[in-house]
C-alpha cells in the first residue's frame, strides 16, 4: 500500500467522524430556544457545542491529511451533500423530543465505543483527538441513556413515543456498523476499529437501557439504509447559507 493511499484512508475516516459530529450538532442546535424545559434546552445546546468542537478537530485533521489547503471551515461549509460522509442516523430530522433523544442515545452508545477504540490508535493524532472527545461523550451517553430509560418507563404516552422513535430509527442505526475497504485497511494497521467489532458492546449497552425502559427493538432485520436523504440537503442549505453567500466575509 502506498503512502498516498494510507493518507487517503485516514482522510476519509477523519472526514466521517467530523461529519457525524458536525451534522448532529446542527440538528441539536435546532432545538435551541424550543426545548420542552429550560434545563433540557441548555443541556442539548451544550451537547451541540461539544460536538461542534469535535467536528472542528476531526475536520481539521482531515484537511491536514488531505494536503490540499482546505481548512475545517472549508470542509464544513463548501462541500455539497454528496461529498458528506456522515452516518444517515445523524441527519434524520428531529421529530418530536422522543425522536431526538432516541437518535442521540443510539449514536452516543456507538460514539463512546468508537472513541474508546481510537484512543489506542497507532496514529497518535487520532488517539489524541479521541481521548479529548471521549471525556465529553461519556457524559453524553450517560445523559441520553438515563432519559431514554426514564421516558420509556414513564407514562403510557411517553412510553409510546419512545417506542415509536426506536421503531423509526432502528434501521438507520445499522449504518454505524457497516464497514468498507477503508475500515478494513485502517483496522489492519491498528488505526481504527473494524466497524462491526463495535456491535457486541453496543448491543449489550443499549439492550440494558431498553430493558430498563420496557422498549423492544423492531423484530425486522437490523439493516443499513444507503444514500443520503433529502433531509441532509435542506440542513446544509441552512447551515451553509452565510459562508456561501458571503465567501470572503471576515468575522
Foldseek 3Di string as FASTA:
>chain_A
DDPLVVLVLLLLVLLQLLLLLQLLLLLLLVCQVPDPDPVVNVVSNVSSVLSNVLSQLSLQVSCVSVVPPAHSCCSQQVDAPVPHNYQQLSLDHCPDVLLVLVSQLLVLLLLLLFLVLQLQAPDPSSNVSSVVSNVVSVVSNVVSLVVLLDQLQDDPVSVVSNQVSLAVRQLSSLSQQDADPSLVVRCVNRNGHRSNVSPVSSCVVVVVSCVSSVHDHDPDDNHHDDDHDPSSNVSSCVVNVVCVVCVPDDD
